[in-house]
Amino acid sequence: GASLGISSMTLPKPLLARKE
């Protein structure tokens, strides 16, 4: 979701997809 830009730095790609 909106956090994608930030999460991409802090979280690995698999988590990013789920956290979206």
PDB file of N, CA and C in Angstrom:
ATOM      1  N   GLY A   1       0.806  -1.211   0.000  1.00  0.00           N
ATOM      2  CA  GLY A   1       0.000   0.000   0.000  1.00  0.00           C
ATOM      3  C   GLY A   1       0.842   1.265   0.000  1.00  0.00           C
ATOM      4  N   ALA A   2       0.444   2.263   0.718  1.00  0.00           N
ATOM      5  CA  ALA A   2       1.135   3.544   0.753  1.00  0.00           C
ATOM      6  C   ALA A   2       2.514   3.424   1.405  1.00  0.00           C
ATOM      7  N   SER A   3       2.674   2.440   2.284  1.00  0.00           N
ATOM      8  CA  SER A   3       3.931   2.255   3.011  1.00  0.00           C
ATOM      9  C   SER A   3       5.017   1.624   2.145  1.00  0.00           C
ATOM     10  N   LEU A   4       4.658   1.196   0.960  1.00  0.00           N
ATOM     11  CA  LEU A   4       5.576   0.462   0.096  1.00  0.00           C
ATOM     12  C   LEU A   4       6.945   1.115  -0.010  1.00  0.00           C
ATOM     13  N   GLY A   5       6.992   2.409  -0.266  1.00  0.00           N
ATOM     14  CA  GLY A   5       8.267   3.100  -0.430  1.00  0.00           C
ATOM     15  C   GLY A   5       9.153   2.978   0.791  1.00  0.00           C
ATOM     16  N   ILE A   6       8.561   3.077   1.969  1.00  0.00           N
ATOM     17  CA  ILE A   6       9.313   3.004   3.220  1.00  0.00           C
ATOM     18  C   ILE A   6       9.628   1.541   3.546  1.00  0.00           C
ATOM     19  N   SER A   7       8.633   0.694   3.420  1.00  0.00           N
ATOM     20  CA  SER A   7       8.784  -0.713   3.772  1.00  0.00           C
ATOM     21  C   SER A   7       9.851  -1.395   2.925  1.00  0.00           C
ATOM     22  N   SER A   8       9.987  -0.962   1.674  1.00  0.00           N
ATOM     23  CA  SER A   8      10.961  -1.572   0.778  1.00  0.00           C
ATOM     24  C   SER A   8      12.381  -1.413   1.318  1.00  0.00           C
ATOM     25  N   MET A   9      12.623  -0.368   2.086  1.00  0.00           N
ATOM     26  CA  MET A   9      13.935  -0.175   2.709  1.00  0.00           C
ATOM     27  C   MET A   9      14.086  -1.037   3.949  1.00  0.00           C
ATOM     28  N   THR A  10      13.020  -1.135   4.730  1.00  0.00           N
ATOM     29  CA  THR A  10      13.110  -1.743   6.047  1.00  0.00           C
ATOM     30  C   THR A  10      12.791  -3.236   6.035  1.00  0.00           C
ATOM     31  N   LEU A  11      11.977  -3.683   5.090  1.00  0.00           N
ATOM     32  CA  LEU A  11      11.550  -5.075   5.065  1.00  0.00           C
ATOM     33  C   LEU A  11      12.001  -5.769   3.790  1.00  0.00           C
ATOM     34  N   PRO A  12      12.214  -7.088   3.863  1.00  0.00           N
ATOM     35  CA  PRO A  12      12.538  -7.868   2.682  1.00  0.00           C
ATOM     36  C   PRO A  12      11.362  -7.917   1.710  1.00  0.00           C
ATOM     37  N   LYS A  13      11.630  -8.245   0.473  1.00  0.00           N
ATOM     38  CA  LYS A  13      10.618  -8.245  -0.581  1.00  0.00           C
ATOM     39  C   LYS A  13       9.395  -9.125  -0.256  1.00  0.00           C
ATOM     40  N   PRO A  14       9.582 -10.351   0.243  1.00  0.00           N
ATOM     41  CA  PRO A  14       8.419 -11.201   0.542  1.00  0.00           C
ATOM     42  C   PRO A  14       7.483 -10.558   1.573  1.00  0.00           C
ATOM     43  N   LEU A  15       8.048  -9.987   2.614  1.00  0.00           N
ATOM     44  CA  LEU A  15       7.239  -9.326   3.639  1.00  0.00           C
ATOM     45  C   LEU A  15       6.546  -8.098   3.054  1.00  0.00           C
ATOM     46  N   LEU A  16       7.269  -7.391   2.211  1.00  0.00           N
ATOM     47  CA  LEU A  16       6.734  -6.198   1.575  1.00  0.00           C
ATOM     48  C   LEU A  16       5.443  -6.498   0.821  1.00  0.00           C
ATOM     49  N   ALA A  17       5.452  -7.594   0.095  1.00  0.00           N
ATOM     50  CA  ALA A  17       4.279  -7.980  -0.681  1.00  0.00           C
ATOM     51  C   ALA A  17       3.091  -8.263   0.240  1.00  0.00           C
ATOM     52  N   ARG A  18       3.370  -8.892   1.373  1.00  0.00           N
ATOM     53  CA  ARG A  18       2.296  -9.226   2.322  1.00  0.00           C
ATOM     54  C   ARG A  18       1.841  -7.989   3.093  1.00  0.00           C
ATOM     55  N   LYS A  19       2.799  -7.158   3.461  1.00  0.00           N
ATOM     56  CA  LYS A  19       2.487  -5.976   4.264  1.00  0.00           C
ATOM     57  C   LYS A  19       1.726  -4.922   3.450  1.00  0.00           C
ATOM     58  N   GLU A  20       1.872  -4.974   2.160  1.00  0.00           N
ATOM     59  CA  GLU A  20       1.273  -4.004   1.227  1.00  0.00           C
ATOM     60  C   GLU A  20      -0.061  -3.474   1.743  1.00  0.00           C
TER      61      GLU A  20
END
